[in-house]
């Protein structure tokens, strides 16, 4: 492990011990995480003794789920599941990849992130709560806010928070996990406390997932700063990794270019 990865490990380890950190997170979807990047993150998560959450590429991303199964991913999240039919496709896909026994060690979640999905909430949660079903919902506030025309500045608005509260109660009543994501920072704490008063299992930043009980920590502001630091280190480490790959052949390229100029001039 390099120095950045060691610092990331330290942040996760401290987060688990002191701040209620449960997992780190990668995305095959919007983030476009590559397999080699996922393996680096997985090593850090394993050494810190936390889980790994993976947002797959869609409701029926079989290949993504096969990789998640191979690597021992703890949480699988399907994005843009907007209709009951899309949810049945997701459930069928996870049942195709994972045996019943294997599913005991994984939480299968879907993103509720558009007004279309919200309008279909009751029907979708009935499917999720039935057998074979899935474990719960991640409310993606950034995309939801965009889908109702409020933009990123509307994430902490009353309209968005009330929608989250409706989804939280509906999940609580059906025994489903409920997780909140989307621009989680110090500014979100008052609204997260409102949601926690109803039902909140976890909340997540872009790269770090916290237990809902972490909201009771007096050091939560520090924990969120550490989550930002973790993401920054991840991006810096990623840049250095691909920069090294870019540079490793530079000498050979220069030699061949010089040789080609000589040969071409002849």
Protein backbone atom coordinates (compact mmCIF):
# COMPACT_ATOMS: atom_id res chain seq x y z
CA UNK A 1 0.00 0.00 0.00
CA UNK A 2 1.23 3.49 -0.79
CA UNK A 3 1.05 6.47 1.56
CA UNK A 4 -2.37 7.63 0.32
CA UNK A 5 -3.86 4.16 0.73
CA UNK A 6 -2.39 3.87 4.23
CA UNK A 7 -4.00 7.16 5.18
CA UNK A 8 -7.31 5.99 3.69
CA UNK A 9 -7.01 2.81 5.77
CA UNK A 10 -6.37 4.89 8.87
CA UNK A 11 -9.45 7.04 8.19
CA UNK A 12 -11.70 4.00 7.72
CA UNK A 13 -10.30 2.23 10.77
CA UNK A 14 -10.78 5.28 12.98
CA UNK A 15 -14.20 5.85 11.44
CA UNK A 16 -15.28 2.31 12.29
CA UNK A 17 -13.99 2.55 15.85
CA UNK A 18 -15.20 6.05 16.68
CA UNK A 19 -17.74 7.39 14.18
CA UNK A 20 -20.01 4.56 13.11
CA UNK A 21 -18.49 3.94 9.67
CA UNK A 22 -19.85 0.70 8.21
CA UNK A 23 -18.52 0.62 4.65
CA UNK A 24 -16.87 2.40 1.78
CA UNK A 25 -18.52 2.70 -1.60
CA UNK A 26 -17.76 2.33 -5.31
CA UNK A 27 -19.88 2.82 -8.43
CA UNK A 28 -19.85 0.98 -11.70
CA UNK A 29 -22.61 3.39 -12.75
CA UNK A 30 -21.94 7.16 -12.65
CA UNK A 31 -18.45 6.93 -11.14
CA UNK A 32 -17.31 4.32 -13.66
CA UNK A 33 -15.09 2.42 -11.23
CA UNK A 34 -12.74 0.01 -13.02
CA UNK A 35 -12.04 -3.46 -11.70
CA UNK A 36 -8.46 -2.68 -10.68
CA UNK A 37 -9.68 0.38 -8.75
CA UNK A 38 -12.35 -1.74 -7.06
CA UNK A 39 -9.72 -4.24 -5.94
CA UNK A 40 -7.60 -1.49 -4.37
CA UNK A 41 -10.63 -0.15 -2.50
CA UNK A 42 -11.61 -3.67 -1.48
CA UNK A 43 -8.18 -4.30 0.05
CA UNK A 44 -8.43 -1.09 2.07
CA UNK A 45 -11.96 -1.97 3.24
CA UNK A 46 -10.94 -5.51 4.23
CA UNK A 47 -7.93 -4.29 6.22
CA UNK A 48 -10.13 -1.74 7.99
CA UNK A 49 -12.71 -4.48 8.65
CA UNK A 50 -15.53 -2.54 7.03
CA UNK A 51 -17.85 -3.53 4.21
CA UNK A 52 -17.88 -2.48 0.58
CA UNK A 53 -20.97 -1.12 -1.16
CA UNK A 54 -21.19 -1.25 -4.94
CA UNK A 55 -23.66 0.61 -7.14
CA UNK A 56 -24.06 -1.60 -10.19
CA UNK A 57 -24.78 -0.38 -13.70
CA UNK A 58 -28.54 -0.95 -13.72
CA UNK A 59 -31.43 -3.09 -12.55
CA UNK A 60 -30.28 -6.10 -14.57
CA UNK A 61 -26.49 -5.71 -14.46
CA UNK A 62 -25.66 -9.42 -14.26
CA UNK A 63 -21.96 -9.04 -15.02
CA UNK A 64 -21.58 -6.39 -12.31
CA UNK A 65 -23.28 -8.68 -9.81
CA UNK A 66 -21.02 -11.56 -10.79
CA UNK A 67 -17.99 -9.41 -9.97
CA UNK A 68 -19.61 -8.24 -6.74
CA UNK A 69 -20.18 -11.87 -5.74
CA UNK A 70 -16.61 -12.79 -6.59
CA UNK A 71 -15.17 -9.94 -4.52
CA UNK A 72 -17.45 -10.32 -1.49
CA UNK A 73 -19.32 -7.02 -1.74
CA UNK A 74 -21.51 -6.34 1.32
CA UNK A 75 -24.11 -3.97 -0.18
CA UNK A 76 -25.36 -3.94 -3.77
CA UNK A 77 -27.32 -0.92 -4.99
CA UNK A 78 -29.23 -0.77 -8.26
CA UNK A 79 -29.64 2.76 -9.71
CA UNK A 80 -32.60 4.32 -11.53
CA UNK A 81 -35.16 1.70 -10.53
CA UNK A 82 -38.25 3.73 -11.32
CA UNK A 83 -41.05 1.21 -11.84
CA UNK A 84 -42.36 -2.01 -10.27
CA UNK A 85 -41.29 -3.87 -13.42
CA UNK A 86 -37.71 -2.60 -13.15
CA UNK A 87 -37.64 -3.73 -9.53
CA UNK A 88 -38.82 -7.24 -10.48
CA UNK A 89 -35.99 -7.36 -13.04
CA UNK A 90 -33.48 -6.42 -10.32
CA UNK A 91 -34.80 -9.06 -7.94
CA UNK A 92 -34.69 -11.71 -10.66
CA UNK A 93 -31.11 -10.73 -11.52
CA UNK A 94 -29.83 -11.01 -7.95
CA UNK A 95 -31.61 -14.35 -7.55
CA UNK A 96 -29.92 -15.57 -10.72
CA UNK A 97 -26.44 -14.64 -9.48
CA UNK A 98 -26.68 -15.32 -5.74
CA UNK A 99 -27.89 -18.48 -4.05
CA UNK A 100 -30.34 -18.17 -1.15
CA UNK A 101 -27.52 -18.94 1.28
CA UNK A 102 -25.20 -16.33 -0.26
CA UNK A 103 -27.90 -13.67 -0.06
CA UNK A 104 -27.81 -13.90 3.73
CA UNK A 105 -24.48 -12.03 3.69
CA UNK A 106 -25.46 -9.29 1.23
CA UNK A 107 -27.94 -6.42 1.37
CA UNK A 108 -29.68 -5.77 -1.95
CA UNK A 109 -30.92 -2.21 -2.24
CA UNK A 110 -32.36 -0.01 -4.97
CA UNK A 111 -32.02 3.72 -5.50
CA UNK A 112 -35.12 5.85 -5.23
CA UNK A 113 -33.88 8.94 -7.04
CA UNK A 114 -36.59 10.37 -9.30
CA UNK A 115 -40.11 11.68 -8.95
CA UNK A 116 -41.24 8.80 -11.21
CA UNK A 117 -39.91 6.27 -8.71
CA UNK A 118 -41.45 8.21 -5.83
CA UNK A 119 -44.86 8.16 -7.51
CA UNK A 120 -44.50 4.37 -7.79
CA UNK A 121 -43.24 3.99 -4.22
CA UNK A 122 -46.13 2.04 -2.69
CA UNK A 123 -46.28 -0.56 -5.44
CA UNK A 124 -42.50 -0.96 -5.46
CA UNK A 125 -42.22 -1.40 -1.72
CA UNK A 126 -44.90 -4.07 -1.77
CA UNK A 127 -42.68 -6.02 -4.19
CA UNK A 128 -39.54 -5.32 -2.15
CA UNK A 129 -41.14 -6.51 1.09
CA UNK A 130 -42.55 -9.71 -0.41
CA UNK A 131 -40.54 -12.85 -1.16
CA UNK A 132 -38.03 -13.03 -2.80
CA UNK A 133 -37.89 -9.23 -2.57
CA UNK A 134 -34.91 -7.12 -1.58
CA UNK A 135 -33.62 -5.45 1.58
CA UNK A 136 -34.41 -1.80 1.18
CA UNK A 137 -34.09 1.63 -0.38
CA UNK A 138 -31.36 4.23 -0.85
CA UNK A 139 -32.90 7.68 -1.32
CA UNK A 140 -30.66 9.60 -3.74
CA UNK A 141 -31.44 13.20 -2.91
CA UNK A 142 -29.29 14.86 -5.60
CA UNK A 143 -30.99 13.18 -8.55
CA UNK A 144 -34.39 13.38 -6.88
CA UNK A 145 -33.99 17.12 -6.40
CA UNK A 146 -33.00 17.43 -10.05
CA UNK A 147 -35.97 15.36 -11.20
CA UNK A 148 -38.44 17.77 -9.58
CA UNK A 149 -36.66 20.80 -11.04
CA UNK A 150 -35.20 22.00 -7.74
CA UNK A 151 -31.57 21.45 -8.74
CA UNK A 152 -28.68 20.84 -6.39
CA UNK A 153 -29.54 23.92 -4.35
CA UNK A 154 -32.87 22.33 -3.46
CA UNK A 155 -31.51 19.23 -1.76
CA UNK A 156 -32.21 20.50 1.76
CA UNK A 157 -35.55 22.05 0.77
CA UNK A 158 -38.76 21.17 2.55
CA UNK A 159 -40.20 19.50 -0.57
CA UNK A 160 -37.29 17.07 -0.82
CA UNK A 161 -37.13 16.40 2.93
CA UNK A 162 -40.86 15.66 3.11
CA UNK A 163 -40.51 13.18 0.24
CA UNK A 164 -37.65 11.48 2.09
CA UNK A 165 -39.80 11.30 5.23
CA UNK A 166 -42.64 9.66 3.29
CA UNK A 167 -40.25 7.03 1.92
CA UNK A 168 -38.69 6.52 5.36
CA UNK A 169 -42.07 5.82 6.98
CA UNK A 170 -43.14 3.52 4.15
CA UNK A 171 -39.93 1.47 4.54
CA UNK A 172 -40.32 1.37 8.33
CA UNK A 173 -43.87 0.08 8.04
CA UNK A 174 -42.68 -2.78 5.79
CA UNK A 175 -39.55 -3.69 7.71
CA UNK A 176 -37.21 -2.49 4.96
CA UNK A 177 -33.85 -0.79 5.36
CA UNK A 178 -33.78 2.92 4.59
CA UNK A 179 -30.62 4.78 3.64
CA UNK A 180 -30.15 8.43 2.69
CA UNK A 181 -27.49 9.66 0.28
CA UNK A 182 -26.91 12.68 -1.88
CA UNK A 183 -24.78 15.64 -0.79
CA UNK A 184 -24.62 14.52 2.83
CA UNK A 185 -22.63 17.16 4.72
CA UNK A 186 -22.94 19.31 7.84
CA UNK A 187 -25.79 21.18 6.12
CA UNK A 188 -27.82 17.96 5.99
CA UNK A 189 -27.68 17.12 9.70
CA UNK A 190 -30.94 18.80 10.78
CA UNK A 191 -32.90 17.05 8.03
CA UNK A 192 -31.16 13.72 8.72
CA UNK A 193 -32.22 14.00 12.36
CA UNK A 194 -35.83 14.50 11.22
CA UNK A 195 -35.59 11.39 9.07
CA UNK A 196 -33.88 9.38 11.80
CA UNK A 197 -36.81 10.16 14.11
CA UNK A 198 -38.93 8.14 11.66
CA UNK A 199 -36.57 5.46 10.29
CA UNK A 200 -32.95 5.66 9.13
CA UNK A 201 -30.58 2.72 9.05
CA UNK A 202 -27.64 4.36 7.29
CA UNK A 203 -26.57 7.54 5.51
CA UNK A 204 -23.79 7.93 3.00
CA UNK A 205 -21.41 10.40 1.45
CA UNK A 206 -19.93 9.68 -1.99
CA UNK A 207 -17.40 7.18 -0.59
CA UNK A 208 -18.27 6.47 3.06
CA UNK A 209 -21.35 4.86 4.63
CA UNK A 210 -22.31 5.59 8.24
CA UNK A 211 -24.70 3.90 10.62
CA UNK A 212 -27.81 5.97 11.36
CA UNK A 213 -26.76 6.00 15.02
CA UNK A 214 -23.68 8.06 14.02
CA UNK A 215 -25.99 11.08 14.00
CA UNK A 216 -25.89 10.94 17.80
CA UNK A 217 -22.10 11.27 17.90
CA UNK A 218 -20.73 14.59 19.22
CA UNK A 219 -17.85 14.16 16.76
CA UNK A 220 -20.03 13.80 13.66
CA UNK A 221 -18.72 17.02 12.09
CA UNK A 222 -15.18 15.63 12.32
CA UNK A 223 -16.35 12.30 10.91
CA UNK A 224 -17.86 14.03 7.86
CA UNK A 225 -14.67 16.01 7.31
CA UNK A 226 -12.76 12.74 7.39
CA UNK A 227 -15.16 11.32 4.79
CA UNK A 228 -14.33 14.26 2.51
CA UNK A 229 -10.62 13.66 3.12
CA UNK A 230 -11.07 9.98 2.26
CA UNK A 231 -12.67 10.83 -1.08
CA UNK A 232 -9.94 13.36 -1.87
CA UNK A 233 -7.23 10.80 -1.11
CA UNK A 234 -9.03 8.28 -3.30
CA UNK A 235 -9.09 10.65 -6.26
CA UNK A 236 -5.46 11.68 -5.77
CA UNK A 237 -4.42 8.05 -5.52
CA UNK A 238 -6.39 7.24 -8.67
CA UNK A 239 -4.71 10.10 -10.55
CA UNK A 240 -1.26 8.96 -9.48
CA UNK A 241 -2.01 5.33 -10.42
CA UNK A 242 -3.06 6.18 -13.97
CA UNK A 243 -0.34 8.81 -14.25
CA UNK A 244 2.22 6.13 -13.46
CA UNK A 245 0.76 3.91 -16.17
CA UNK A 246 0.95 6.82 -18.60
CA UNK A 247 4.58 7.54 -17.72
CA UNK A 248 5.90 3.99 -17.64
CA UNK A 249 6.25 3.73 -21.44
CA UNK A 250 7.37 7.29 -22.05
CA UNK A 251 11.07 6.42 -22.44
CA UNK A 252 10.27 3.59 -24.85
CA UNK A 253 7.94 5.85 -26.85
CA UNK A 254 10.59 8.54 -27.12
CA UNK A 255 13.19 6.03 -28.29
CA UNK A 256 10.86 4.62 -30.96
CA UNK A 257 9.85 8.08 -32.13
CA UNK A 258 13.53 9.03 -32.56
CA UNK A 259 14.21 5.77 -34.39
CA UNK A 260 11.18 6.29 -36.66
CA UNK A 261 12.36 9.75 -37.60
CA UNK A 262 15.73 8.34 -38.63
CA UNK A 263 14.17 5.46 -40.59
CA UNK A 264 11.61 7.70 -42.22
CA UNK A 265 14.25 10.21 -43.29
CA UNK A 266 16.16 7.36 -45.01
